[in-house]
Amino acid sequence: MMFSPLNMAMVAAPLVNAGNSPQPYVLMNTRVQGTTTWTPVQAVRPSIPLATSKTARQLQDLMRNAVANGAADAWFRSASLNA
């Protein structure tokens, strides 16, 4: 299974945005053919609620704890012993 950086950003977005996933948006400006003036695109960019803000906070806390307390440390130690 392959994931693009955009896919992974969409996975992480609700965690840092109180449970809301913003819609990806790639068009910033438009230009009429034959001109040199770029016009900013004004678009509504709604977000999709994927989780409650409480759930997002809980996931943030779990991720912080995994980093701070070395959740993967035991796996790495056992992998090096078995090598």
N, C-alpha and C. Protein backbone atom coordinates (compact mmCIF):
# COMPACT_ATOMS: atom_id res chain seq x y z
N MET A 1 0.85 -1.17 0.00
CA MET A 1 0.00 0.00 0.00
C MET A 1 0.90 1.24 0.00
N MET A 2 0.59 2.18 -0.86
CA MET A 2 1.39 3.39 -0.98
C MET A 2 0.55 4.60 -0.56
N PHE A 3 1.20 5.54 0.11
CA PHE A 3 0.54 6.77 0.54
C PHE A 3 1.38 7.95 0.10
N SER A 4 0.70 8.99 -0.34
CA SER A 4 1.40 10.21 -0.74
C SER A 4 1.56 11.11 0.49
N PRO A 5 2.43 12.10 0.41
CA PRO A 5 2.53 13.06 1.51
C PRO A 5 1.18 13.74 1.80
N LEU A 6 0.39 13.99 0.76
CA LEU A 6 -0.92 14.59 0.97
C LEU A 6 -1.82 13.65 1.76
N ASN A 7 -1.77 12.34 1.45
CA ASN A 7 -2.57 11.38 2.21
C ASN A 7 -2.20 11.41 3.69
N MET A 8 -0.92 11.42 3.99
CA MET A 8 -0.49 11.42 5.38
C MET A 8 -0.82 12.74 6.08
N ALA A 9 -0.76 13.84 5.35
CA ALA A 9 -1.16 15.12 5.93
C ALA A 9 -2.65 15.12 6.28
N MET A 10 -3.44 14.48 5.43
CA MET A 10 -4.88 14.40 5.69
C MET A 10 -5.18 13.50 6.90
N VAL A 11 -4.32 12.52 7.15
CA VAL A 11 -4.48 11.67 8.33
C VAL A 11 -4.17 12.46 9.60
N ALA A 12 -3.11 13.26 9.56
CA ALA A 12 -2.67 14.00 10.74
C ALA A 12 -3.48 15.27 10.99
N ALA A 13 -4.08 15.83 9.97
CA ALA A 13 -4.77 17.12 10.10
C ALA A 13 -5.82 17.17 11.21
N PRO A 14 -6.70 16.17 11.32
CA PRO A 14 -7.71 16.26 12.38
C PRO A 14 -7.12 16.26 13.78
N LEU A 15 -5.94 15.68 13.95
CA LEU A 15 -5.34 15.65 15.27
C LEU A 15 -4.91 17.02 15.74
N VAL A 16 -4.49 17.87 14.83
CA VAL A 16 -4.03 19.20 15.21
C VAL A 16 -5.09 20.27 14.95
N ASN A 17 -6.24 19.87 14.44
CA ASN A 17 -7.29 20.82 14.10
C ASN A 17 -8.59 20.50 14.84
N ALA A 18 -8.46 20.08 16.10
CA ALA A 18 -9.61 19.81 16.98
C ALA A 18 -10.59 18.81 16.38
N GLY A 19 -10.09 17.82 15.67
CA GLY A 19 -10.94 16.78 15.12
C GLY A 19 -11.50 17.06 13.74
N ASN A 20 -11.19 18.22 13.17
CA ASN A 20 -11.71 18.59 11.85
C ASN A 20 -10.64 18.43 10.79
N SER A 21 -11.01 17.79 9.69
CA SER A 21 -10.08 17.57 8.59
C SER A 21 -10.34 18.59 7.49
N PRO A 22 -9.39 19.47 7.21
CA PRO A 22 -9.60 20.44 6.13
C PRO A 22 -9.57 19.74 4.77
N GLN A 23 -10.30 20.28 3.84
CA GLN A 23 -10.30 19.75 2.48
C GLN A 23 -9.03 20.21 1.78
N PRO A 24 -8.37 19.30 1.06
CA PRO A 24 -7.17 19.72 0.33
C PRO A 24 -7.52 20.75 -0.75
N TYR A 25 -6.63 21.66 -0.95
CA TYR A 25 -6.88 22.76 -1.88
C TYR A 25 -5.58 23.13 -2.55
N VAL A 26 -5.50 23.00 -3.86
CA VAL A 26 -4.23 23.24 -4.54
C VAL A 26 -4.24 24.45 -5.47
N LEU A 27 -5.39 24.97 -5.81
CA LEU A 27 -5.47 26.11 -6.72
C LEU A 27 -5.39 27.41 -5.92
N MET A 28 -4.35 28.20 -6.17
CA MET A 28 -4.18 29.45 -5.44
C MET A 28 -4.54 30.67 -6.28
N ASN A 29 -4.14 30.66 -7.57
CA ASN A 29 -4.34 31.81 -8.44
C ASN A 29 -4.77 31.34 -9.83
N THR A 30 -5.42 32.25 -10.55
CA THR A 30 -5.74 31.98 -11.95
C THR A 30 -5.24 33.16 -12.79
N ARG A 31 -5.06 32.89 -14.09
CA ARG A 31 -4.61 33.94 -14.99
C ARG A 31 -5.34 33.78 -16.31
N VAL A 32 -5.87 34.86 -16.82
CA VAL A 32 -6.53 34.84 -18.12
C VAL A 32 -5.46 34.72 -19.18
N GLN A 33 -5.72 33.86 -20.17
CA GLN A 33 -4.74 33.64 -21.24
C GLN A 33 -4.39 34.95 -21.93
N GLY A 34 -3.10 35.17 -22.12
CA GLY A 34 -2.63 36.37 -22.80
C GLY A 34 -2.37 37.53 -21.86
N THR A 35 -2.58 37.37 -20.55
CA THR A 35 -2.30 38.43 -19.59
C THR A 35 -1.19 37.98 -18.65
N THR A 36 -0.68 38.93 -17.89
CA THR A 36 0.37 38.60 -16.92
C THR A 36 -0.12 38.76 -15.48
N THR A 37 -1.38 39.10 -15.32
CA THR A 37 -1.94 39.34 -13.99
C THR A 37 -2.56 38.06 -13.43
N TRP A 38 -2.12 37.69 -12.25
CA TRP A 38 -2.67 36.53 -11.55
C TRP A 38 -3.72 37.00 -10.56
N THR A 39 -4.83 36.32 -10.51
CA THR A 39 -5.93 36.67 -9.61
C THR A 39 -6.09 35.58 -8.55
N PRO A 40 -6.03 35.94 -7.27
CA PRO A 40 -6.22 34.93 -6.23
C PRO A 40 -7.63 34.33 -6.31
N VAL A 41 -7.70 33.04 -6.08
CA VAL A 41 -9.00 32.35 -6.09
C VAL A 41 -9.59 32.43 -4.70
N GLN A 42 -10.79 32.94 -4.62
CA GLN A 42 -11.50 33.00 -3.35
C GLN A 42 -12.44 31.81 -3.28
N ALA A 43 -12.12 30.85 -2.45
CA ALA A 43 -12.94 29.65 -2.36
C ALA A 43 -13.24 29.34 -0.90
N VAL A 44 -14.38 28.76 -0.69
CA VAL A 44 -14.74 28.31 0.64
C VAL A 44 -14.06 26.96 0.85
N ARG A 45 -13.36 26.84 1.93
CA ARG A 45 -12.65 25.59 2.23
C ARG A 45 -13.21 24.98 3.50
N PRO A 46 -14.32 24.26 3.37
CA PRO A 46 -14.92 23.69 4.58
C PRO A 46 -14.07 22.55 5.15
N SER A 47 -14.25 22.31 6.42
CA SER A 47 -13.57 21.16 7.02
C SER A 47 -14.61 20.10 7.34
N ILE A 48 -14.16 18.87 7.43
CA ILE A 48 -15.04 17.75 7.70
C ILE A 48 -14.76 17.27 9.12
N PRO A 49 -15.76 17.28 9.99
CA PRO A 49 -15.52 16.77 11.35
C PRO A 49 -15.33 15.25 11.32
N LEU A 50 -14.16 14.78 11.73
CA LEU A 50 -13.87 13.35 11.75
C LEU A 50 -13.87 12.78 13.16
N ALA A 51 -13.66 13.63 14.13
CA ALA A 51 -13.65 13.21 15.52
C ALA A 51 -14.00 14.41 16.38
N THR A 52 -14.33 14.15 17.62
CA THR A 52 -14.60 15.26 18.53
C THR A 52 -13.28 15.89 18.95
N SER A 53 -13.32 17.10 19.44
CA SER A 53 -12.08 17.74 19.90
C SER A 53 -11.51 16.97 21.08
N LYS A 54 -12.37 16.35 21.89
CA LYS A 54 -11.89 15.54 23.03
C LYS A 54 -11.09 14.34 22.53
N THR A 55 -11.60 13.66 21.52
CA THR A 55 -10.90 12.51 20.95
C THR A 55 -9.57 12.95 20.34
N ALA A 56 -9.57 14.08 19.64
CA ALA A 56 -8.33 14.59 19.04
C ALA A 56 -7.30 14.88 20.13
N ARG A 57 -7.74 15.49 21.24
CA ARG A 57 -6.83 15.77 22.36
C ARG A 57 -6.27 14.47 22.96
N GLN A 58 -7.13 13.46 23.10
CA GLN A 58 -6.68 12.18 23.65
C GLN A 58 -5.63 11.54 22.75
N LEU A 59 -5.84 11.59 21.44
CA LEU A 59 -4.85 11.05 20.50
C LEU A 59 -3.54 11.83 20.56
N GLN A 60 -3.64 13.15 20.70
CA GLN A 60 -2.43 13.96 20.83
C GLN A 60 -1.65 13.54 22.08
N ASP A 61 -2.37 13.35 23.19
CA ASP A 61 -1.73 12.95 24.44
C ASP A 61 -1.07 11.58 24.30
N LEU A 62 -1.76 10.63 23.64
CA LEU A 62 -1.18 9.30 23.43
C LEU A 62 0.08 9.38 22.58
N MET A 63 0.06 10.21 21.55
CA MET A 63 1.23 10.34 20.68
C MET A 63 2.40 10.98 21.43
N ARG A 64 2.10 12.02 22.23
CA ARG A 64 3.15 12.66 23.02
C ARG A 64 3.77 11.66 24.00
N ASN A 65 2.90 10.88 24.65
CA ASN A 65 3.37 9.89 25.61
C ASN A 65 4.25 8.84 24.93
N ALA A 66 3.86 8.42 23.74
CA ALA A 66 4.65 7.42 23.00
C ALA A 66 6.04 7.96 22.69
N VAL A 67 6.12 9.23 22.34
CA VAL A 67 7.43 9.83 22.03
C VAL A 67 8.23 10.06 23.31
N ALA A 68 7.57 10.62 24.32
CA ALA A 68 8.26 10.97 25.57
C ALA A 68 8.74 9.75 26.33
N ASN A 69 7.99 8.67 26.31
CA ASN A 69 8.32 7.50 27.11
C ASN A 69 8.89 6.35 26.29
N GLY A 70 9.20 6.60 25.04
CA GLY A 70 9.86 5.61 24.22
C GLY A 70 9.06 4.35 23.98
N ALA A 71 7.86 4.48 23.45
CA ALA A 71 7.02 3.31 23.20
C ALA A 71 7.70 2.32 22.26
N ALA A 72 8.49 2.80 21.35
CA ALA A 72 9.16 1.91 20.40
C ALA A 72 10.49 1.41 20.92
N ASP A 73 10.95 1.95 22.04
CA ASP A 73 12.25 1.59 22.58
C ASP A 73 12.36 0.10 22.87
N ALA A 74 11.34 -0.49 23.49
CA ALA A 74 11.37 -1.92 23.81
C ALA A 74 11.45 -2.76 22.54
N TRP A 75 10.75 -2.35 21.52
CA TRP A 75 10.80 -3.09 20.25
C TRP A 75 12.20 -3.04 19.67
N PHE A 76 12.81 -1.87 19.67
CA PHE A 76 14.15 -1.74 19.12
C PHE A 76 15.16 -2.57 19.92
N ARG A 77 15.01 -2.58 21.24
CA ARG A 77 15.92 -3.37 22.07
C ARG A 77 15.77 -4.86 21.76
N SER A 78 14.53 -5.33 21.66
CA SER A 78 14.33 -6.75 21.38
C SER A 78 14.81 -7.10 19.96
N ALA A 79 14.64 -6.19 19.02
CA ALA A 79 15.09 -6.45 17.65
C ALA A 79 16.60 -6.54 17.60
N SER A 80 17.30 -5.71 18.35
CA SER A 80 18.76 -5.75 18.33
C SER A 80 19.29 -7.00 19.04
N LEU A 81 18.58 -7.51 20.04
CA LEU A 81 19.00 -8.72 20.72
C LEU A 81 18.81 -9.95 19.85
N ASN A 82 17.80 -9.91 18.99
CA ASN A 82 17.51 -11.05 18.12
C ASN A 82 18.32 -11.03 16.84
N ALA A 83 19.03 -9.96 16.60
CA ALA A 83 19.80 -9.86 15.34
C ALA A 83 21.09 -10.61 15.39
